[in-house]
Amino acid sequence: MVMRRNALGRGLDALIPSAPPRRELEPATRATGELAVADIAPNPDQPRRRFDEAELERLAESIRRHGVLQPVVVRRAPSDAARPYELVVGERRWRAAQKAGLASLPALVQHVEPDALLEVALVENVQRRDLNPIELAHAFRALIATGRTQDEVGERVGLERSSVANHLRLLELPKELQEDVELGTLSLGHAKALLSLANPARRRLLRDRIVEEALSVRAAEALARTLAAPATAPTPAPAPAPSAAKHDPNLRHLIEQLQSHLLTRVRIEGASGHGRIEIHFHGPEELDRLARTILEGRRA
């Protein structure tokens, strides 16, 4: 993630450098010592979609011992809402307070315009703890839907426009691959390698190899180039298979297994009793990948 400036950790003003001072988050209309937990609804624009249950339980235990040391920030909910307040900042504390069995918690009521709710919540989450790439992508898309450009979104959260664009591209992945990124099974770099493949079956092959072989981002990119080659450039037609392999269903099945496992073209010349196996590669990176796959003794 390329940062435009060292903005993280210095408060909302540092994270929204181009905005008029505190335009969205105005001074508190009323400070309150305690609000009933049941009177507070979660932020409908909360960009964080996954809350680690183990971390919430640890925070709940701390709250049982010491109480909620930092107030949450809320705003008054619309008149037709089921609860009188909506969270702006502090959903983890609010969730943990419920786990801890608290009936109320310290809160500060502030005025936040509805169209600024997502932006304030996004900035607060980026400041306190990095959102996963998919959560960022959804938040960026929601901000752009309000009329902001990618440049403007990047300026608000301290990222280059290209980083915003790269995150948005993640939403082109199918749901199961997005979930891999959310869970940390795939990194942002791995996801970018997957996005370079348009063929869903080849994406799945690449994903499985990344996970099974713990491929680095560089190795995943090299493998993606290999998998993309047939779709982007013509490949020489394979030589006619020798008659033994052509008519032997066992050899044909073995060729299919080898090609599926090695992700490259394989030929068998001769018969099952005597012959030669040819494994095709294009470039030193693919040769290195094939050698490691074979030498590690992995089976199809």
C-alpha atoms as a PDB file:
ATOM      1  CA  MET A   1       0.000   0.000   0.000  1.00  0.00           C
ATOM      2  CA  VAL A   2       1.729   3.180  -1.143  1.00  0.00           C
ATOM      3  CA  MET A   3       1.172   6.131   1.141  1.00  0.00           C
ATOM      4  CA  ARG A   4       1.022   9.647  -0.226  1.00  0.00           C
ATOM      5  CA  ARG A   5       2.055  11.088   3.108  1.00  0.00           C
ATOM      6  CA  ASN A   6       2.763   9.846   6.612  1.00  0.00           C
ATOM      7  CA  ALA A   7      -0.751  10.514   7.826  1.00  0.00           C
ATOM      8  CA  LEU A   8      -1.638   7.541   9.979  1.00  0.00           C
ATOM      9  CA  GLY A   9      -1.708   7.923  13.726  1.00  0.00           C
ATOM     10  CA  ARG A  10      -2.012  11.687  13.902  1.00  0.00           C
ATOM     11  CA  GLY A  11      -5.751  12.119  14.263  1.00  0.00           C
ATOM     12  CA  LEU A  12      -8.625  12.881  11.918  1.00  0.00           C
ATOM     13  CA  ASP A  13      -7.257  16.278  10.907  1.00  0.00           C
ATOM     14  CA  ALA A  14      -4.031  14.695   9.673  1.00  0.00           C
ATOM     15  CA  LEU A  15      -5.982  12.089   7.739  1.00  0.00           C
ATOM     16  CA  ILE A  16      -8.228  14.665   6.039  1.00  0.00           C
ATOM     17  CA  PRO A  17      -5.602  17.341   5.248  1.00  0.00           C
ATOM     18  CA  SER A  18      -7.469  18.968   2.394  1.00  0.00           C
ATOM     19  CA  ALA A  19     -10.778  19.347   4.221  1.00  0.00           C
ATOM     20  CA  PRO A  20     -11.881  22.475   6.042  1.00  0.00           C
ATOM     21  CA  PRO A  21     -11.071  21.969   9.733  1.00  0.00           C
ATOM     22  CA  ARG A  22     -13.603  19.656  11.385  1.00  0.00           C
ATOM     23  CA  ARG A  23     -16.281  20.330   8.787  1.00  0.00           C
ATOM     24  CA  GLU A  24     -17.889  16.922   9.046  1.00  0.00           C
ATOM     25  CA  LEU A  25     -17.318  16.295  12.746  1.00  0.00           C
ATOM     26  CA  GLU A  26     -18.552  19.419  14.518  1.00  0.00           C
ATOM     27  CA  PRO A  27     -18.109  20.168  18.222  1.00  0.00           C
ATOM     28  CA  ALA A  28     -20.236  18.037  20.494  1.00  0.00           C
ATOM     29  CA  THR A  29     -23.807  19.212  20.805  1.00  0.00           C
ATOM     30  CA  ARG A  30     -23.965  17.421  24.159  1.00  0.00           C
ATOM     31  CA  ALA A  31     -21.501  15.391  26.178  1.00  0.00           C
ATOM     32  CA  THR A  32     -23.029  12.631  28.209  1.00  0.00           C
ATOM     33  CA  GLY A  33     -21.519  10.431  30.822  1.00  0.00           C
ATOM     34  CA  GLU A  34     -23.496   7.291  30.030  1.00  0.00           C
ATOM     35  CA  LEU A  35     -25.887   6.028  27.364  1.00  0.00           C
ATOM     36  CA  ALA A  36     -27.785   2.774  27.461  1.00  0.00           C
ATOM     37  CA  VAL A  37     -26.123   0.185  25.227  1.00  0.00           C
ATOM     38  CA  ALA A  38     -29.581  -0.806  23.963  1.00  0.00           C
ATOM     39  CA  ASP A  39     -30.219   2.776  22.801  1.00  0.00           C
ATOM     40  CA  ILE A  40     -27.273   2.705  20.374  1.00  0.00           C
ATOM     41  CA  ALA A  41     -27.475   1.199  16.881  1.00  0.00           C
ATOM     42  CA  PRO A  42     -24.375   0.187  14.898  1.00  0.00           C
ATOM     43  CA  ASN A  43     -23.074   2.529  12.230  1.00  0.00           C
ATOM     44  CA  PRO A  44     -24.935   1.616   9.015  1.00  0.00           C
ATOM     45  CA  ASP A  45     -21.881   2.751   7.037  1.00  0.00           C
ATOM     46  CA  GLN A  46     -19.314   0.885   9.133  1.00  0.00           C
ATOM     47  CA  PRO A  47     -16.543  -0.112   6.689  1.00  0.00           C
ATOM     48  CA  ARG A  48     -15.288  -2.924   8.923  1.00  0.00           C
ATOM     49  CA  ARG A  49     -17.224  -6.050   8.019  1.00  0.00           C
ATOM     50  CA  ARG A  50     -15.373  -8.632  10.124  1.00  0.00           C
ATOM     51  CA  PHE A  51     -14.832  -8.413  13.868  1.00  0.00           C
ATOM     52  CA  ASP A  52     -12.446 -10.985  15.325  1.00  0.00           C
ATOM     53  CA  GLU A  53     -14.383 -12.801  18.050  1.00  0.00           C
ATOM     54  CA  ALA A  54     -11.260 -13.662  20.059  1.00  0.00           C
ATOM     55  CA  GLU A  55     -10.164 -10.015  20.092  1.00  0.00           C
ATOM     56  CA  LEU A  56     -13.654  -8.887  21.077  1.00  0.00           C
ATOM     57  CA  GLU A  57     -13.635 -11.371  23.957  1.00  0.00           C
ATOM     58  CA  ARG A  58     -10.253 -10.071  25.166  1.00  0.00           C
ATOM     59  CA  LEU A  59     -11.561  -6.515  25.015  1.00  0.00           C
ATOM     60  CA  ALA A  60     -14.731  -7.587  26.839  1.00  0.00           C
ATOM     61  CA  GLU A  61     -12.626  -9.108  29.625  1.00  0.00           C
ATOM     62  CA  SER A  62     -10.672  -5.865  29.925  1.00  0.00           C
ATOM     63  CA  ILE A  63     -13.951  -3.936  30.105  1.00  0.00           C
ATOM     64  CA  ARG A  64     -15.212  -6.241  32.861  1.00  0.00           C
ATOM     65  CA  ARG A  65     -12.103  -5.433  34.877  1.00  0.00           C
ATOM     66  CA  HIS A  66     -11.583  -1.746  34.122  1.00  0.00           C
ATOM     67  CA  GLY A  67     -14.719  -0.472  32.381  1.00  0.00           C
ATOM     68  CA  VAL A  68     -14.832   1.429  29.065  1.00  0.00           C
ATOM     69  CA  LEU A  69     -11.990   3.941  29.398  1.00  0.00           C
ATOM     70  CA  GLN A  70     -12.608   5.869  26.155  1.00  0.00           C
ATOM     71  CA  PRO A  71     -16.130   7.046  25.262  1.00  0.00           C
ATOM     72  CA  VAL A  72     -17.690   5.988  21.982  1.00  0.00           C
ATOM     73  CA  VAL A  73     -18.894   8.729  19.635  1.00  0.00           C
ATOM     74  CA  VAL A  74     -22.526   8.680  18.541  1.00  0.00           C
ATOM     75  CA  ARG A  75     -24.934  10.883  16.630  1.00  0.00           C
ATOM     76  CA  ARG A  76     -28.664  11.245  16.984  1.00  0.00           C
ATOM     77  CA  ALA A  77     -30.434   8.776  14.723  1.00  0.00           C
ATOM     78  CA  PRO A  78     -33.193   9.798  12.279  1.00  0.00           C
ATOM     79  CA  SER A  79     -36.584  10.232  13.900  1.00  0.00           C
ATOM     80  CA  ASP A  80     -37.950   7.055  12.322  1.00  0.00           C
ATOM     81  CA  ALA A  81     -35.061   4.872  13.531  1.00  0.00           C
ATOM     82  CA  ALA A  82     -35.608   2.063  16.011  1.00  0.00           C
ATOM     83  CA  ARG A  83     -32.958   3.405  18.414  1.00  0.00           C
ATOM     84  CA  PRO A  84     -32.283   7.029  19.341  1.00  0.00           C
ATOM     85  CA  TYR A  85     -28.520   6.969  18.609  1.00  0.00           C
ATOM     86  CA  GLU A  86     -26.173   5.665  15.901  1.00  0.00           C
ATOM     87  CA  LEU A  87     -22.503   4.885  16.388  1.00  0.00           C
ATOM     88  CA  VAL A  88     -19.955   7.031  14.601  1.00  0.00           C
ATOM     89  CA  VAL A  89     -16.729   5.811  16.231  1.00  0.00           C
ATOM     90  CA  GLY A  90     -16.139   2.899  18.604  1.00  0.00           C
ATOM     91  CA  GLU A  91     -18.070  -0.105  17.348  1.00  0.00           C
ATOM     92  CA  ARG A  92     -15.529  -2.577  18.770  1.00  0.00           C
ATOM     93  CA  ARG A  93     -15.947  -1.029  22.234  1.00  0.00           C
ATOM     94  CA  TRP A  94     -19.733  -1.090  21.858  1.00  0.00           C
ATOM     95  CA  ARG A  95     -19.746  -4.760  20.801  1.00  0.00           C
ATOM     96  CA  ALA A  96     -17.315  -5.719  23.584  1.00  0.00           C
ATOM     97  CA  ALA A  97     -19.416  -3.825  26.145  1.00  0.00           C
ATOM     98  CA  GLN A  98     -22.382  -5.990  25.172  1.00  0.00           C
ATOM     99  CA  LYS A  99     -20.261  -9.124  25.569  1.00  0.00           C
ATOM    100  CA  ALA A 100     -19.164  -7.862  28.981  1.00  0.00           C
ATOM    101  CA  GLY A 101     -22.810  -7.490  30.013  1.00  0.00           C
ATOM    102  CA  LEU A 102     -22.753  -3.697  30.472  1.00  0.00           C
ATOM    103  CA  ALA A 103     -26.110  -1.944  30.476  1.00  0.00           C
ATOM    104  CA  SER A 104     -24.561   1.428  29.619  1.00  0.00           C
ATOM    105  CA  LEU A 105     -21.253   2.893  28.485  1.00  0.00           C
ATOM    106  CA  PRO A 106     -19.650   6.345  28.269  1.00  0.00           C
ATOM    107  CA  ALA A 107     -20.571   8.159  25.059  1.00  0.00           C
ATOM    108  CA  LEU A 108     -20.212  11.539  23.412  1.00  0.00           C
ATOM    109  CA  VAL A 109     -23.020  12.839  21.216  1.00  0.00           C
ATOM    110  CA  GLN A 110     -21.759  14.792  18.216  1.00  0.00           C
ATOM    111  CA  HIS A 111     -23.307  16.210  15.095  1.00  0.00           C
ATOM    112  CA  VAL A 112     -22.270  14.299  11.970  1.00  0.00           C
ATOM    113  CA  GLU A 113     -24.053  14.810   8.670  1.00  0.00           C
ATOM    114  CA  PRO A 114     -25.417  11.577   7.137  1.00  0.00           C
ATOM    115  CA  ASP A 115     -23.298  11.941   3.980  1.00  0.00           C
ATOM    116  CA  ALA A 116     -20.140  12.216   6.111  1.00  0.00           C
ATOM    117  CA  LEU A 117     -20.831   9.171   8.303  1.00  0.00           C
ATOM    118  CA  LEU A 118     -18.990   6.690   6.071  1.00  0.00           C
ATOM    119  CA  GLU A 119     -15.996   8.968   5.585  1.00  0.00           C
ATOM    120  CA  VAL A 120     -15.516   9.638   9.285  1.00  0.00           C
ATOM    121  CA  ALA A 121     -15.867   5.930  10.106  1.00  0.00           C
ATOM    122  CA  LEU A 122     -13.424   4.992   7.331  1.00  0.00           C
ATOM    123  CA  VAL A 123     -10.795   7.464   8.460  1.00  0.00           C
ATOM    124  CA  GLU A 124     -11.148   6.361  12.085  1.00  0.00           C
ATOM    125  CA  ASN A 125     -10.688   2.716  11.123  1.00  0.00           C
ATOM    126  CA  VAL A 126      -7.669   3.444   8.934  1.00  0.00           C
ATOM    127  CA  GLN A 127      -6.128   5.475  11.758  1.00  0.00           C
ATOM    128  CA  ARG A 128      -6.639   2.931  14.505  1.00  0.00           C
ATOM    129  CA  ARG A 129      -6.112  -0.323  12.687  1.00  0.00           C
ATOM    130  CA  ASP A 130      -5.766  -1.202   9.006  1.00  0.00           C
ATOM    131  CA  LEU A 131      -8.898  -2.512   7.402  1.00  0.00           C
ATOM    132  CA  ASN A 132      -8.418  -5.546   5.211  1.00  0.00           C
ATOM    133  CA  PRO A 133      -8.153  -4.763   1.471  1.00  0.00           C
ATOM    134  CA  ILE A 134     -11.710  -5.888   0.671  1.00  0.00           C
ATOM    135  CA  GLU A 135     -13.202  -3.710   3.422  1.00  0.00           C
ATOM    136  CA  LEU A 136     -11.228  -0.761   2.068  1.00  0.00           C
ATOM    137  CA  ALA A 137     -12.420  -1.525  -1.460  1.00  0.00           C
ATOM    138  CA  HIS A 138     -16.093  -1.526  -0.409  1.00  0.00           C
ATOM    139  CA  ALA A 139     -15.627   1.713   1.531  1.00  0.00           C
ATOM    140  CA  PHE A 140     -13.878   3.378  -1.417  1.00  0.00           C
ATOM    141  CA  ARG A 141     -16.665   2.270  -3.760  1.00  0.00           C
ATOM    142  CA  ALA A 142     -19.304   3.659  -1.398  1.00  0.00           C
ATOM    143  CA  LEU A 143     -17.494   7.019  -1.207  1.00  0.00           C
ATOM    144  CA  ILE A 144     -17.195   7.174  -5.000  1.00  0.00           C
ATOM    145  CA  ALA A 145     -20.925   6.451  -5.248  1.00  0.00           C
ATOM    146  CA  THR A 146     -21.525   9.736  -3.395  1.00  0.00           C
ATOM    147  CA  GLY A 147     -19.825  11.637  -6.231  1.00  0.00           C
ATOM    148  CA  ARG A 148     -16.181  11.710  -5.138  1.00  0.00           C
ATOM    149  CA  THR A 149     -13.453  10.871  -7.619  1.00  0.00           C
ATOM    150  CA  GLN A 150     -10.685   8.349  -6.966  1.00  0.00           C
ATOM    151  CA  ASP A 151      -8.272  11.266  -6.552  1.00  0.00           C
ATOM    152  CA  GLU A 152     -10.527  12.851  -3.929  1.00  0.00           C
ATOM    153  CA  VAL A 153     -10.939   9.598  -2.029  1.00  0.00           C
ATOM    154  CA  GLY A 154      -7.163   9.089  -2.022  1.00  0.00           C
ATOM    155  CA  GLU A 155      -6.620  12.629  -0.793  1.00  0.00           C
ATOM    156  CA  ARG A 156      -9.044  12.129   2.091  1.00  0.00           C
ATOM    157  CA  VAL A 157      -7.362   8.984   3.431  1.00  0.00           C
ATOM    158  CA  GLY A 158      -3.754   9.746   2.456  1.00  0.00           C
ATOM    159  CA  LEU A 159      -3.367   7.227  -0.386  1.00  0.00           C
ATOM    160  CA  GLU A 160      -2.290   7.568  -4.001  1.00  0.00           C
ATOM    161  CA  ARG A 161      -5.082   7.380  -6.581  1.00  0.00           C
ATOM    162  CA  SER A 162      -3.463   4.231  -8.003  1.00  0.00           C
ATOM    163  CA  SER A 163      -3.798   2.509  -4.610  1.00  0.00           C
ATOM    164  CA  VAL A 164      -7.496   3.391  -4.490  1.00  0.00           C
ATOM    165  CA  ALA A 165      -7.905   2.019  -8.046  1.00  0.00           C
ATOM    166  CA  ASN A 166      -6.065  -1.200  -7.163  1.00  0.00           C
ATOM    167  CA  HIS A 167      -8.337  -1.766  -4.181  1.00  0.00           C
ATOM    168  CA  LEU A 168     -11.452  -1.154  -6.276  1.00  0.00           C
ATOM    169  CA  ARG A 169     -10.287  -3.780  -8.787  1.00  0.00           C
ATOM    170  CA  LEU A 170     -10.431  -6.384  -6.030  1.00  0.00           C
ATOM    171  CA  LEU A 171     -14.219  -6.234  -6.242  1.00  0.00           C
ATOM    172  CA  GLU A 172     -13.931  -7.765  -9.734  1.00  0.00           C
ATOM    173  CA  LEU A 173     -12.858 -11.037  -8.109  1.00  0.00           C
ATOM    174  CA  PRO A 174     -15.545 -13.648  -7.374  1.00  0.00           C
ATOM    175  CA  LYS A 175     -16.881 -13.745  -3.827  1.00  0.00           C
ATOM    176  CA  GLU A 176     -14.881 -16.797  -2.765  1.00  0.00           C
ATOM    177  CA  LEU A 177     -11.594 -15.148  -3.760  1.00  0.00           C
ATOM    178  CA  GLN A 178     -12.604 -11.902  -2.065  1.00  0.00           C
ATOM    179  CA  GLU A 179     -13.184 -13.943   1.083  1.00  0.00           C
ATOM    180  CA  ASP A 180      -9.649 -15.377   0.783  1.00  0.00           C
ATOM    181  CA  VAL A 181      -8.321 -11.805   0.803  1.00  0.00           C
ATOM    182  CA  GLU A 182     -10.532 -10.821   3.749  1.00  0.00           C
ATOM    183  CA  LEU A 183      -9.309 -13.791   5.770  1.00  0.00           C
ATOM    184  CA  GLY A 184      -5.665 -13.149   4.901  1.00  0.00           C
ATOM    185  CA  THR A 185      -5.317 -16.395   2.921  1.00  0.00           C
ATOM    186  CA  LEU A 186      -4.303 -14.241  -0.064  1.00  0.00           C
ATOM    187  CA  SER A 187      -2.442 -10.947   0.139  1.00  0.00           C
ATOM    188  CA  LEU A 188      -3.199  -7.853  -1.923  1.00  0.00           C
ATOM    189  CA  GLY A 189      -0.239  -8.748  -4.157  1.00  0.00           C
ATOM    190  CA  HIS A 190      -1.572 -12.267  -4.705  1.00  0.00           C
ATOM    191  CA  ALA A 191      -4.985 -10.829  -5.545  1.00  0.00           C
ATOM    192  CA  LYS A 192      -3.435  -8.532  -8.168  1.00  0.00           C
ATOM    193  CA  ALA A 193      -1.776 -11.568  -9.757  1.00  0.00           C
ATOM    194  CA  LEU A 194      -5.173 -13.305  -9.878  1.00  0.00           C
ATOM    195  CA  LEU A 195      -6.733 -10.247 -11.499  1.00  0.00           C
ATOM    196  CA  SER A 196      -4.275 -10.531 -14.384  1.00  0.00           C
ATOM    197  CA  LEU A 197      -6.085 -13.725 -15.426  1.00  0.00           C
ATOM    198  CA  ALA A 198      -9.480 -13.377 -17.065  1.00  0.00           C
ATOM    199  CA  ASN A 199     -10.170 -17.112 -17.252  1.00  0.00           C
ATOM    200  CA  PRO A 200     -12.010 -18.284 -14.081  1.00  0.00           C
ATOM    201  CA  ALA A 201     -10.572 -21.810 -14.251  1.00  0.00           C
ATOM    202  CA  ARG A 202      -7.010 -20.492 -14.516  1.00  0.00           C
ATOM    203  CA  ARG A 203      -7.658 -18.106 -11.627  1.00  0.00           C
ATOM    204  CA  ARG A 204      -8.768 -21.065  -9.510  1.00  0.00           C
ATOM    205  CA  LEU A 205      -5.667 -23.047 -10.512  1.00  0.00           C
ATOM    206  CA  LEU A 206      -3.445 -20.116  -9.571  1.00  0.00           C
ATOM    207  CA  ARG A 207      -5.259 -19.584  -6.269  1.00  0.00           C
ATOM    208  CA  ASP A 208      -4.858 -23.244  -5.334  1.00  0.00           C
ATOM    209  CA  ARG A 209      -1.154 -23.246  -6.177  1.00  0.00           C
ATOM    210  CA  ILE A 210      -0.586 -20.075  -4.133  1.00  0.00           C
ATOM    211  CA  VAL A 211      -2.244 -21.619  -1.091  1.00  0.00           C
ATOM    212  CA  GLU A 212      -0.902 -25.157  -1.414  1.00  0.00           C
ATOM    213  CA  GLU A 213       2.706 -24.140  -2.166  1.00  0.00           C
ATOM    214  CA  ALA A 214       2.778 -20.869  -0.152  1.00  0.00           C
ATOM    215  CA  LEU A 215       3.936 -19.038  -3.277  1.00  0.00           C
ATOM    216  CA  SER A 216       5.445 -15.595  -2.850  1.00  0.00           C
ATOM    217  CA  VAL A 217       3.837 -12.693  -4.717  1.00  0.00           C
ATOM    218  CA  ARG A 218       6.719 -12.732  -7.229  1.00  0.00           C
ATOM    219  CA  ALA A 219       6.273 -16.458  -7.881  1.00  0.00           C
ATOM    220  CA  ALA A 220       2.509 -15.999  -8.209  1.00  0.00           C
ATOM    221  CA  GLU A 221       3.022 -13.211 -10.745  1.00  0.00           C
ATOM    222  CA  ALA A 222       5.389 -15.417 -12.771  1.00  0.00           C
ATOM    223  CA  LEU A 223       2.898 -18.278 -12.736  1.00  0.00           C
ATOM    224  CA  ALA A 224       0.098 -15.896 -13.731  1.00  0.00           C
ATOM    225  CA  ARG A 225       2.114 -14.810 -16.775  1.00  0.00           C
ATOM    226  CA  THR A 226       2.559 -18.449 -17.741  1.00  0.00           C
ATOM    227  CA  LEU A 227      -1.143 -19.169 -17.366  1.00  0.00           C
ATOM    228  CA  ALA A 228      -2.105 -16.020 -19.281  1.00  0.00           C
ATOM    229  CA  ALA A 229       0.202 -16.740 -22.216  1.00  0.00           C
ATOM    230  CA  PRO A 230      -2.177 -19.033 -24.157  1.00  0.00           C
ATOM    231  CA  ALA A 231      -4.915 -16.390 -23.968  1.00  0.00           C
ATOM    232  CA  THR A 232      -2.727 -13.474 -25.035  1.00  0.00           C
ATOM    233  CA  ALA A 233      -0.363 -14.964 -27.607  1.00  0.00           C
ATOM    234  CA  PRO A 234      -0.578 -17.864 -30.018  1.00  0.00           C
ATOM    235  CA  THR A 235       1.413 -20.911 -29.007  1.00  0.00           C
ATOM    236  CA  PRO A 236       3.022 -23.359 -31.396  1.00  0.00           C
ATOM    237  CA  ALA A 237       0.770 -26.261 -32.220  1.00  0.00           C
ATOM    238  CA  PRO A 238       1.912 -29.405 -30.418  1.00  0.00           C
ATOM    239  CA  ALA A 239       3.568 -32.044 -32.531  1.00  0.00           C
ATOM    240  CA  PRO A 240       1.403 -35.069 -33.258  1.00  0.00           C
ATOM    241  CA  ALA A 241       1.561 -37.500 -30.379  1.00  0.00           C
ATOM    242  CA  PRO A 242       3.342 -40.782 -31.111  1.00  0.00           C
ATOM    243  CA  SER A 243       0.947 -43.534 -31.914  1.00  0.00           C
ATOM    244  CA  ALA A 244       1.490 -45.372 -28.637  1.00  0.00           C
ATOM    245  CA  ALA A 245       0.571 -42.345 -26.518  1.00  0.00           C
ATOM    246  CA  LYS A 246      -2.143 -41.334 -28.956  1.00  0.00           C
ATOM    247  CA  HIS A 247      -3.970 -44.629 -28.621  1.00  0.00           C
ATOM    248  CA  ASP A 248      -3.075 -45.566 -25.045  1.00  0.00           C
ATOM    249  CA  PRO A 249      -5.768 -44.165 -22.706  1.00  0.00           C
ATOM    250  CA  ASN A 250      -3.497 -44.630 -19.691  1.00  0.00           C
ATOM    251  CA  LEU A 251      -0.765 -42.470 -21.236  1.00  0.00           C
ATOM    252  CA  ARG A 252      -3.307 -39.849 -22.299  1.00  0.00           C
ATOM    253  CA  HIS A 253      -4.630 -39.721 -18.755  1.00  0.00           C
ATOM    254  CA  LEU A 254      -1.087 -39.433 -17.389  1.00  0.00           C
ATOM    255  CA  ILE A 255      -0.367 -36.507 -19.759  1.00  0.00           C
ATOM    256  CA  GLU A 256      -3.532 -34.745 -18.581  1.00  0.00           C
ATOM    257  CA  GLN A 257      -2.522 -35.252 -14.942  1.00  0.00           C
ATOM    258  CA  LEU A 258       0.994 -33.916 -15.517  1.00  0.00           C
ATOM    259  CA  GLN A 259      -0.257 -30.871 -17.407  1.00  0.00           C
ATOM    260  CA  SER A 260      -2.834 -30.096 -14.730  1.00  0.00           C
ATOM    261  CA  HIS A 261      -0.220 -30.396 -11.985  1.00  0.00           C
ATOM    262  CA  LEU A 262       2.647 -28.591 -13.719  1.00  0.00           C
ATOM    263  CA  LEU A 263       0.447 -26.022 -15.520  1.00  0.00           C
ATOM    264  CA  THR A 264       2.416 -26.368 -18.745  1.00  0.00           C
ATOM    265  CA  ARG A 265       2.440 -28.532 -21.890  1.00  0.00           C
ATOM    266  CA  VAL A 266       3.730 -32.078 -21.476  1.00  0.00           C
ATOM    267  CA  ARG A 267       4.491 -34.695 -24.158  1.00  0.00           C
ATOM    268  CA  ILE A 268       5.265 -38.365 -23.828  1.00  0.00           C
ATOM    269  CA  GLU A 269       7.114 -39.995 -26.688  1.00  0.00           C
ATOM    270  CA  GLY A 270       7.292 -43.734 -26.945  1.00  0.00           C
ATOM    271  CA  ALA A 271       5.267 -46.272 -25.011  1.00  0.00           C
ATOM    272  CA  SER A 272       4.767 -47.142 -21.398  1.00  0.00           C
ATOM    273  CA  GLY A 273       7.726 -49.509 -21.478  1.00  0.00           C
ATOM    274  CA  HIS A 274      10.253 -47.079 -22.980  1.00  0.00           C
ATOM    275  CA  GLY A 275      10.147 -43.423 -24.016  1.00  0.00           C
ATOM    276  CA  ARG A 276      10.717 -39.818 -23.074  1.00  0.00           C
ATOM    277  CA  ILE A 277       8.750 -37.109 -21.216  1.00  0.00           C
ATOM    278  CA  GLU A 278       9.015 -33.515 -22.499  1.00  0.00           C
ATOM    279  CA  ILE A 279       8.060 -30.630 -20.194  1.00  0.00           C
ATOM    280  CA  HIS A 280       7.787 -27.243 -21.907  1.00  0.00           C
ATOM    281  CA  PHE A 281       8.718 -23.942 -20.254  1.00  0.00           C
ATOM    282  CA  HIS A 282       9.104 -20.321 -21.282  1.00  0.00           C
ATOM    283  CA  GLY A 283      11.774 -18.363 -19.462  1.00  0.00           C
ATOM    284  CA  PRO A 284      13.938 -18.866 -16.372  1.00  0.00           C
ATOM    285  CA  GLU A 285      11.175 -18.042 -13.887  1.00  0.00           C
ATOM    286  CA  GLU A 286       8.948 -20.811 -15.189  1.00  0.00           C
ATOM    287  CA  LEU A 287      11.881 -23.241 -15.290  1.00  0.00           C
ATOM    288  CA  ASP A 288      12.618 -22.428 -11.651  1.00  0.00           C
ATOM    289  CA  ARG A 289       8.964 -22.958 -10.712  1.00  0.00           C
ATOM    290  CA  LEU A 290       8.801 -26.302 -12.519  1.00  0.00           C
ATOM    291  CA  ALA A 291      12.060 -27.484 -10.974  1.00  0.00           C
ATOM    292  CA  ARG A 292      10.864 -26.631  -7.466  1.00  0.00           C
ATOM    293  CA  THR A 293       7.529 -28.363  -8.067  1.00  0.00           C
ATOM    294  CA  ILE A 294       9.220 -31.538  -9.299  1.00  0.00           C
ATOM    295  CA  LEU A 295      12.024 -31.599  -6.722  1.00  0.00           C
ATOM    296  CA  GLU A 296       9.633 -31.089  -3.831  1.00  0.00           C
ATOM    297  CA  GLY A 297       8.093 -34.400  -4.839  1.00  0.00           C
ATOM    298  CA  ARG A 298       4.512 -33.092  -4.949  1.00  0.00           C
ATOM    299  CA  ARG A 299       1.970 -35.438  -6.504  1.00  0.00           C
ATOM    300  CA  ALA A 300      -0.852 -34.573  -8.865  1.00  0.00           C
END
